[in-house]
């Protein structure tokens, strides 16, 4: 299944997860960004067989995290050291 098909099939559930995370997606590109940057959405997509980028990641690679060109950062995600 492609990421586009996953979004098309599960649009309502994806939007509910995004709203639950205090976010909003107004189009499929924003939904795609959420899936790439939210661990829960990413794992769900992978569990459904979506091949997101390149080869499947093995558990030892990057501590189980994927590395992307762009990452969604929200206010409060980081603390400034004194």
PDB file of N, CA and C in Angstrom:
ATOM      1  N   UNK A   1       0.850  -1.176   0.000  1.00  0.00           N
ATOM      2  CA  UNK A   1       0.000   0.000   0.000  1.00  0.00           C
ATOM      3  C   UNK A   1       0.894   1.237   0.000  1.00  0.00           C
ATOM      4  N   UNK A   2       0.533   2.208  -0.812  1.00  0.00           N
ATOM      5  CA  UNK A   2       1.298   3.458  -0.838  1.00  0.00           C
ATOM      6  C   UNK A   2       0.820   4.374   0.279  1.00  0.00           C
ATOM      7  N   UNK A   3       1.624   5.363   0.607  1.00  0.00           N
ATOM      8  CA  UNK A   3       1.244   6.335   1.624  1.00  0.00           C
ATOM      9  C   UNK A   3      -0.013   7.083   1.184  1.00  0.00           C
ATOM     10  N   UNK A   4      -0.105   7.398  -0.091  1.00  0.00           N
ATOM     11  CA  UNK A   4      -1.286   8.087  -0.625  1.00  0.00           C
ATOM     12  C   UNK A   4      -2.544   7.232  -0.411  1.00  0.00           C
ATOM     13  N   UNK A   5      -2.463   5.928  -0.690  1.00  0.00           N
ATOM     14  CA  UNK A   5      -3.605   5.035  -0.488  1.00  0.00           C
ATOM     15  C   UNK A   5      -3.968   4.934   0.994  1.00  0.00           C
ATOM     16  N   UNK A   6      -2.948   4.864   1.849  1.00  0.00           N
ATOM     17  CA  UNK A   6      -3.177   4.801   3.292  1.00  0.00           C
ATOM     18  C   UNK A   6      -3.942   6.037   3.760  1.00  0.00           C
ATOM     19  N   UNK A   7      -3.521   7.203   3.310  1.00  0.00           N
ATOM     20  CA  UNK A   7      -4.197   8.448   3.697  1.00  0.00           C
ATOM     21  C   UNK A   7      -5.631   8.448   3.183  1.00  0.00           C
ATOM     22  N   UNK A   8      -5.820   8.048   1.939  1.00  0.00           N
ATOM     23  CA  UNK A   8      -7.159   8.015   1.346  1.00  0.00           C
ATOM     24  C   UNK A   8      -8.083   7.061   2.118  1.00  0.00           C
ATOM     25  N   UNK A   9      -7.560   5.901   2.484  1.00  0.00           N
ATOM     26  CA  UNK A   9      -8.350   4.880   3.170  1.00  0.00           C
ATOM     27  C   UNK A   9      -8.667   5.262   4.613  1.00  0.00           C
ATOM     28  N   UNK A  10      -7.718   5.909   5.301  1.00  0.00           N
ATOM     29  CA  UNK A  10      -7.844   6.157   6.742  1.00  0.00           C
ATOM     30  C   UNK A  10      -7.910   7.651   7.081  1.00  0.00           C
ATOM     31  N   UNK A  11      -8.371   8.468   6.153  1.00  0.00           N
ATOM     32  CA  UNK A  11      -8.374   9.930   6.347  1.00  0.00           C
ATOM     33  C   UNK A  11      -9.047  10.340   7.661  1.00  0.00           C
ATOM     34  N   UNK A  12     -10.232   9.814   7.953  1.00  0.00           N
ATOM     35  CA  UNK A  12     -10.965  10.211   9.165  1.00  0.00           C
ATOM     36  C   UNK A  12     -10.193   9.843  10.433  1.00  0.00           C
ATOM     37  N   UNK A  13      -9.621   8.627  10.459  1.00  0.00           N
ATOM     38  CA  UNK A  13      -8.870   8.200  11.639  1.00  0.00           C
ATOM     39  C   UNK A  13      -7.582   9.008  11.804  1.00  0.00           C
ATOM     40  N   UNK A  14      -6.923   9.311  10.701  1.00  0.00           N
ATOM     41  CA  UNK A  14      -5.701  10.122  10.757  1.00  0.00           C
ATOM     42  C   UNK A  14      -6.028  11.506  11.298  1.00  0.00           C
ATOM     43  N   UNK A  15      -7.109  12.109  10.768  1.00  0.00           N
ATOM     44  CA  UNK A  15      -7.510  13.435  11.245  1.00  0.00           C
ATOM     45  C   UNK A  15      -7.850  13.421  12.727  1.00  0.00           C
ATOM     46  N   UNK A  16      -8.511  12.357  13.197  1.00  0.00           N
ATOM     47  CA  UNK A  16      -8.843  12.249  14.622  1.00  0.00           C
ATOM     48  C   UNK A  16      -7.576  12.186  15.466  1.00  0.00           C
ATOM     49  N   UNK A  17      -6.573  11.447  14.997  1.00  0.00           N
ATOM     50  CA  UNK A  17      -5.308  11.354  15.731  1.00  0.00           C
ATOM     51  C   UNK A  17      -4.592  12.705  15.758  1.00  0.00           C
ATOM     52  N   UNK A  18      -4.649  13.422  14.659  1.00  0.00           N
ATOM     53  CA  UNK A  18      -3.994  14.732  14.581  1.00  0.00           C
ATOM     54  C   UNK A  18      -4.689  15.721  15.509  1.00  0.00           C
ATOM     55  N   UNK A  19      -6.015  15.741  15.483  1.00  0.00           N
ATOM     56  CA  UNK A  19      -6.763  16.634  16.375  1.00  0.00           C
ATOM     57  C   UNK A  19      -6.492  16.258  17.829  1.00  0.00           C
ATOM     58  N   UNK A  20      -6.377  14.968  18.122  1.00  0.00           N
ATOM     59  CA  UNK A  20      -6.062  14.516  19.470  1.00  0.00           C
ATOM     60  C   UNK A  20      -4.697  14.979  19.943  1.00  0.00           C
ATOM     61  N   UNK A  21      -3.818  15.264  19.000  1.00  0.00           N
ATOM     62  CA  UNK A  21      -2.478  15.766  19.329  1.00  0.00           C
ATOM     63  C   UNK A  21      -2.452  17.295  19.253  1.00  0.00           C
ATOM     64  N   UNK A  22      -3.634  17.913  19.305  1.00  0.00           N
ATOM     65  CA  UNK A  22      -3.774  19.376  19.262  1.00  0.00           C
ATOM     66  C   UNK A  22      -3.273  19.954  17.952  1.00  0.00           C
ATOM     67  N   UNK A  23      -3.502  19.259  16.872  1.00  0.00           N
ATOM     68  CA  UNK A  23      -3.086  19.736  15.559  1.00  0.00           C
ATOM     69  C   UNK A  23      -4.258  19.790  14.607  1.00  0.00           C
ATOM     70  N   UNK A  24      -3.966  20.164  13.382  1.00  0.00           N
ATOM     71  CA  UNK A  24      -4.980  20.231  12.348  1.00  0.00           C
ATOM     72  C   UNK A  24      -4.309  19.998  11.003  1.00  0.00           C
ATOM     73  N   UNK A  25      -4.903  19.148  10.191  1.00  0.00           N
ATOM     74  CA  UNK A  25      -4.408  18.909   8.839  1.00  0.00           C
ATOM     75  C   UNK A  25      -5.510  19.310   7.871  1.00  0.00           C
ATOM     76  N   UNK A  26      -5.204  20.195   6.950  1.00  0.00           N
ATOM     77  CA  UNK A  26      -6.221  20.674   6.017  1.00  0.00           C
ATOM     78  C   UNK A  26      -6.116  20.033   4.648  1.00  0.00           C
ATOM     79  N   UNK A  27      -5.032  19.280   4.402  1.00  0.00           N
ATOM     80  CA  UNK A  27      -4.883  18.613   3.108  1.00  0.00           C
ATOM     81  C   UNK A  27      -4.010  17.370   3.279  1.00  0.00           C
ATOM     82  N   UNK A  28      -3.911  16.575   2.223  1.00  0.00           N
ATOM     83  CA  UNK A  28      -3.170  15.321   2.311  1.00  0.00           C
ATOM     84  C   UNK A  28      -1.671  15.524   2.495  1.00  0.00           C
ATOM     85  N   UNK A  29      -1.112  16.610   2.010  1.00  0.00           N
ATOM     86  CA  UNK A  29       0.315  16.868   2.228  1.00  0.00           C
ATOM     87  C   UNK A  29       0.593  17.080   3.717  1.00  0.00           C
ATOM     88  N   UNK A  30      -0.294  17.802   4.395  1.00  0.00           N
ATOM     89  CA  UNK A  30      -0.128  17.988   5.840  1.00  0.00           C
ATOM     90  C   UNK A  30      -0.323  16.667   6.577  1.00  0.00           C
ATOM     91  N   UNK A  31      -1.261  15.844   6.125  1.00  0.00           N
ATOM     92  CA  UNK A  31      -1.432  14.515   6.731  1.00  0.00           C
ATOM     93  C   UNK A  31      -0.160  13.687   6.536  1.00  0.00           C
ATOM     94  N   UNK A  32       0.423  13.763   5.361  1.00  0.00           N
ATOM     95  CA  UNK A  32       1.674  13.055   5.074  1.00  0.00           C
ATOM     96  C   UNK A  32       2.772  13.500   6.042  1.00  0.00           C
ATOM     97  N   UNK A  33       2.896  14.811   6.250  1.00  0.00           N
ATOM     98  CA  UNK A  33       3.910  15.336   7.175  1.00  0.00           C
ATOM     99  C   UNK A  33       3.669  14.813   8.597  1.00  0.00           C
ATOM    100  N   UNK A  34       2.419  14.770   9.022  1.00  0.00           N
ATOM    101  CA  UNK A  34       2.113  14.239  10.348  1.00  0.00           C
ATOM    102  C   UNK A  34       2.531  12.775  10.452  1.00  0.00           C
ATOM    103  N   UNK A  35       2.225  11.994   9.429  1.00  0.00           N
ATOM    104  CA  UNK A  35       2.583  10.568   9.454  1.00  0.00           C
ATOM    105  C   UNK A  35       4.093  10.399   9.521  1.00  0.00           C
ATOM    106  N   UNK A  36       4.827  11.211   8.797  1.00  0.00           N
ATOM    107  CA  UNK A  36       6.284  11.108   8.806  1.00  0.00           C
ATOM    108  C   UNK A  36       6.899  11.563  10.118  1.00  0.00           C
ATOM    109  N   UNK A  37       6.221  12.442  10.857  1.00  0.00           N
ATOM    110  CA  UNK A  37       6.801  13.033  12.059  1.00  0.00           C
ATOM    111  C   UNK A  37       6.197  12.551  13.367  1.00  0.00           C
ATOM    112  N   UNK A  38       5.089  11.845  13.322  1.00  0.00           N
ATOM    113  CA  UNK A  38       4.442  11.354  14.530  1.00  0.00           C
ATOM    114  C   UNK A  38       4.703   9.851  14.642  1.00  0.00           C
ATOM    115  N   UNK A  39       5.329   9.454  15.727  1.00  0.00           N
ATOM    116  CA  UNK A  39       5.725   8.047  15.864  1.00  0.00           C
ATOM    117  C   UNK A  39       4.530   7.100  15.790  1.00  0.00           C
ATOM    118  N   UNK A  40       3.422   7.448  16.438  1.00  0.00           N
ATOM    119  CA  UNK A  40       2.254   6.582  16.426  1.00  0.00           C
ATOM    120  C   UNK A  40       1.659   6.424  15.032  1.00  0.00           C
ATOM    121  N   UNK A  41       1.496   7.538  14.306  1.00  0.00           N
ATOM    122  CA  UNK A  41       0.972   7.472  12.945  1.00  0.00           C
ATOM    123  C   UNK A  41       1.943   6.723  12.024  1.00  0.00           C
ATOM    124  N   UNK A  42       3.230   6.969  12.213  1.00  0.00           N
ATOM    125  CA  UNK A  42       4.247   6.300  11.403  1.00  0.00           C
ATOM    126  C   UNK A  42       4.189   4.778  11.604  1.00  0.00           C
ATOM    127  N   UNK A  43       4.144   4.362  12.872  1.00  0.00           N
ATOM    128  CA  UNK A  43       4.109   2.924  13.170  1.00  0.00           C
ATOM    129  C   UNK A  43       2.826   2.278  12.639  1.00  0.00           C
ATOM    130  N   UNK A  44       1.704   2.991  12.719  1.00  0.00           N
ATOM    131  CA  UNK A  44       0.444   2.477  12.198  1.00  0.00           C
ATOM    132  C   UNK A  44       0.546   2.278  10.683  1.00  0.00           C
ATOM    133  N   UNK A  45       1.077   3.290   9.996  1.00  0.00           N
ATOM    134  CA  UNK A  45       1.236   3.179   8.539  1.00  0.00           C
ATOM    135  C   UNK A  45       2.131   1.992   8.190  1.00  0.00           C
ATOM    136  N   UNK A  46       3.224   1.847   8.894  1.00  0.00           N
ATOM    137  CA  UNK A  46       4.143   0.731   8.632  1.00  0.00           C
ATOM    138  C   UNK A  46       3.460  -0.604   8.912  1.00  0.00           C
ATOM    139  N   UNK A  47       2.662  -0.666   9.987  1.00  0.00           N
ATOM    140  CA  UNK A  47       1.951  -1.907  10.319  1.00  0.00           C
ATOM    141  C   UNK A  47       0.947  -2.280   9.230  1.00  0.00           C
ATOM    142  N   UNK A  48       0.438  -1.296   8.519  1.00  0.00           N
ATOM    143  CA  UNK A  48      -0.497  -1.533   7.414  1.00  0.00           C
ATOM    144  C   UNK A  48       0.246  -1.880   6.122  1.00  0.00           C
ATOM    145  N   UNK A  49       1.573  -1.915   6.190  1.00  0.00           N
ATOM    146  CA  UNK A  49       2.356  -2.302   5.025  1.00  0.00           C
ATOM    147  C   UNK A  49       2.808  -1.155   4.147  1.00  0.00           C
ATOM    148  N   UNK A  50       2.671   0.077   4.642  1.00  0.00           N
ATOM    149  CA  UNK A  50       3.113   1.237   3.860  1.00  0.00           C
ATOM    150  C   UNK A  50       4.627   1.293   3.870  1.00  0.00           C
ATOM    151  N   UNK A  51       5.200   1.384   2.694  1.00  0.00           N
ATOM    152  CA  UNK A  51       6.648   1.548   2.570  1.00  0.00           C
ATOM    153  C   UNK A  51       6.866   3.039   2.360  1.00  0.00           C
ATOM    154  N   UNK A  52       7.353   3.729   3.373  1.00  0.00           N
ATOM    155  CA  UNK A  52       7.384   5.183   3.355  1.00  0.00           C
ATOM    156  C   UNK A  52       8.589   5.728   2.604  1.00  0.00           C
ATOM    157  N   UNK A  53       9.788   5.350   2.989  1.00  0.00           N
ATOM    158  CA  UNK A  53      10.990   5.860   2.328  1.00  0.00           C
ATOM    159  C   UNK A  53      12.026   4.755   2.271  1.00  0.00           C
ATOM    160  N   UNK A  54      12.515   4.443   1.108  1.00  0.00           N
ATOM    161  CA  UNK A  54      13.626   3.502   0.972  1.00  0.00           C
ATOM    162  C   UNK A  54      13.319   2.126   1.521  1.00  0.00           C
ATOM    163  N   UNK A  55      14.349   1.498   2.022  1.00  0.00           N
ATOM    164  CA  UNK A  55      14.232   0.147   2.547  1.00  0.00           C
ATOM    165  C   UNK A  55      13.574   0.170   3.927  1.00  0.00           C
ATOM    166  N   UNK A  56      12.918  -0.939   4.288  1.00  0.00           N
ATOM    167  CA  UNK A  56      12.355  -1.024   5.639  1.00  0.00           C
ATOM    168  C   UNK A  56      13.461  -0.855   6.675  1.00  0.00           C
ATOM    169  N   UNK A  57      13.153  -0.175   7.750  1.00  0.00           N
ATOM    170  CA  UNK A  57      14.143   0.067   8.802  1.00  0.00           C
ATOM    171  C   UNK A  57      14.246  -1.184   9.679  1.00  0.00           C
ATOM    172  N   UNK A  58      15.448  -1.479  10.102  1.00  0.00           N
ATOM    173  CA  UNK A  58      15.616  -2.603  11.029  1.00  0.00           C
ATOM    174  C   UNK A  58      15.673  -2.030  12.438  1.00  0.00           C
ATOM    175  N   UNK A  59      15.335  -2.826  13.450  1.00  0.00           N
ATOM    176  CA  UNK A  59      15.254  -2.300  14.814  1.00  0.00           C
ATOM    177  C   UNK A  59      16.540  -1.639  15.311  1.00  0.00           C
ATOM    178  N   UNK A  60      17.690  -2.003  14.786  1.00  0.00           N
ATOM    179  CA  UNK A  60      18.936  -1.406  15.256  1.00  0.00           C
ATOM    180  C   UNK A  60      19.282  -0.077  14.609  1.00  0.00           C
ATOM    181  N   UNK A  61      18.634   0.274  13.516  1.00  0.00           N
ATOM    182  CA  UNK A  61      18.968   1.510  12.813  1.00  0.00           C
ATOM    183  C   UNK A  61      18.421   2.718  13.555  1.00  0.00           C
ATOM    184  N   UNK A  62      19.291   3.664  13.889  1.00  0.00           N
ATOM    185  CA  UNK A  62      18.885   4.942  14.495  1.00  0.00           C
ATOM    186  C   UNK A  62      17.979   4.726  15.708  1.00  0.00           C
ATOM    187  N   UNK A  63      18.205   3.688  16.462  1.00  0.00           N
ATOM    188  CA  UNK A  63      17.389   3.446  17.638  1.00  0.00           C
ATOM    189  C   UNK A  63      15.927   3.182  17.314  1.00  0.00           C
ATOM    190  N   UNK A  64      15.645   2.734  16.107  1.00  0.00           N
ATOM    191  CA  UNK A  64      14.268   2.466  15.727  1.00  0.00           C
ATOM    192  C   UNK A  64      13.551   3.665  15.132  1.00  0.00           C
ATOM    193  N   UNK A  65      14.218   4.801  15.003  1.00  0.00           N
ATOM    194  CA  UNK A  65      13.617   6.011  14.440  1.00  0.00           C
ATOM    195  C   UNK A  65      14.059   6.204  13.010  1.00  0.00           C
ATOM    196  N   UNK A  66      13.192   6.751  12.173  1.00  0.00           N
ATOM    197  CA  UNK A  66      13.554   7.129  10.804  1.00  0.00           C
ATOM    198  C   UNK A  66      14.099   8.549  10.832  1.00  0.00           C
ATOM    199  N   UNK A  67      14.969   8.853   9.906  1.00  0.00           N
ATOM    200  CA  UNK A  67      15.537  10.190   9.792  1.00  0.00           C
ATOM    201  C   UNK A  67      15.012  10.806   8.505  1.00  0.00           C
ATOM    202  N   UNK A  68      14.448  11.990   8.595  1.00  0.00           N
ATOM    203  CA  UNK A  68      13.845  12.668   7.461  1.00  0.00           C
ATOM    204  C   UNK A  68      14.475  14.033   7.249  1.00  0.00           C
ATOM    205  N   UNK A  69      14.263  14.565   6.054  1.00  0.00           N
ATOM    206  CA  UNK A  69      14.770  15.883   5.723  1.00  0.00           C
ATOM    207  C   UNK A  69      14.081  16.965   6.551  1.00  0.00           C
ATOM    208  N   UNK A  70      12.766  16.836   6.738  1.00  0.00           N
ATOM    209  CA  UNK A  70      12.007  17.836   7.487  1.00  0.00           C
ATOM    210  C   UNK A  70      11.375  17.194   8.707  1.00  0.00           C
ATOM    211  N   UNK A  71      11.328  17.924   9.794  1.00  0.00           N
ATOM    212  CA  UNK A  71      10.731  17.445  11.029  1.00  0.00           C
ATOM    213  C   UNK A  71       9.809  18.528  11.569  1.00  0.00           C
ATOM    214  N   UNK A  72       8.630  18.140  12.023  1.00  0.00           N
ATOM    215  CA  UNK A  72       7.690  19.096  12.607  1.00  0.00           C
ATOM    216  C   UNK A  72       8.129  19.377  14.041  1.00  0.00           C
ATOM    217  N   UNK A  73       8.350  20.632  14.372  1.00  0.00           N
ATOM    218  CA  UNK A  73       8.727  21.040  15.707  1.00  0.00           C
ATOM    219  C   UNK A  73       7.673  22.016  16.207  1.00  0.00           C
ATOM    220  N   UNK A  74       7.168  21.772  17.384  1.00  0.00           N
ATOM    221  CA  UNK A  74       6.138  22.620  17.965  1.00  0.00           C
ATOM    222  C   UNK A  74       6.738  23.401  19.134  1.00  0.00           C
ATOM    223  N   UNK A  75       6.150  24.555  19.452  1.00  0.00           N
ATOM    224  CA  UNK A  75       6.601  25.309  20.632  1.00  0.00           C
ATOM    225  C   UNK A  75       6.518  24.419  21.879  1.00  0.00           C
ATOM    226  N   UNK A  76       7.545  24.465  22.685  1.00  0.00           N
ATOM    227  CA  UNK A  76       7.575  23.659  23.893  1.00  0.00           C
ATOM    228  C   UNK A  76       8.205  22.286  23.728  1.00  0.00           C
ATOM    229  N   UNK A  77       8.598  21.919  22.502  1.00  0.00           N
ATOM    230  CA  UNK A  77       9.221  20.624  22.289  1.00  0.00           C
ATOM    231  C   UNK A  77      10.614  20.534  22.922  1.00  0.00           C
ATOM    232  N   UNK A  78      11.263  21.665  23.079  1.00  0.00           N
ATOM    233  CA  UNK A  78      12.616  21.679  23.620  1.00  0.00           C
ATOM    234  C   UNK A  78      12.691  22.625  24.809  1.00  0.00           C
ATOM    235  N   UNK A  79      13.542  22.283  25.762  1.00  0.00           N
ATOM    236  CA  UNK A  79      13.774  23.170  26.885  1.00  0.00           C
ATOM    237  C   UNK A  79      15.141  23.814  26.692  1.00  0.00           C
ATOM    238  N   UNK A  80      15.239  25.063  27.073  1.00  0.00           N
ATOM    239  CA  UNK A  80      16.511  25.777  26.973  1.00  0.00           C
ATOM    240  C   UNK A  80      17.256  25.590  28.282  1.00  0.00           C
ATOM    241  N   UNK A  81      18.481  25.086  28.183  1.00  0.00           N
ATOM    242  CA  UNK A  81      19.296  24.883  29.390  1.00  0.00           C
ATOM    243  C   UNK A  81      19.711  26.226  29.977  1.00  0.00           C
ATOM    244  N   UNK A  82      19.702  26.347  31.286  1.00  0.00           N
ATOM    245  CA  UNK A  82      20.101  27.629  31.935  1.00  0.00           C
ATOM    246  C   UNK A  82      21.561  27.934  31.729  1.00  0.00           C
TER     247      UNK A  82
END
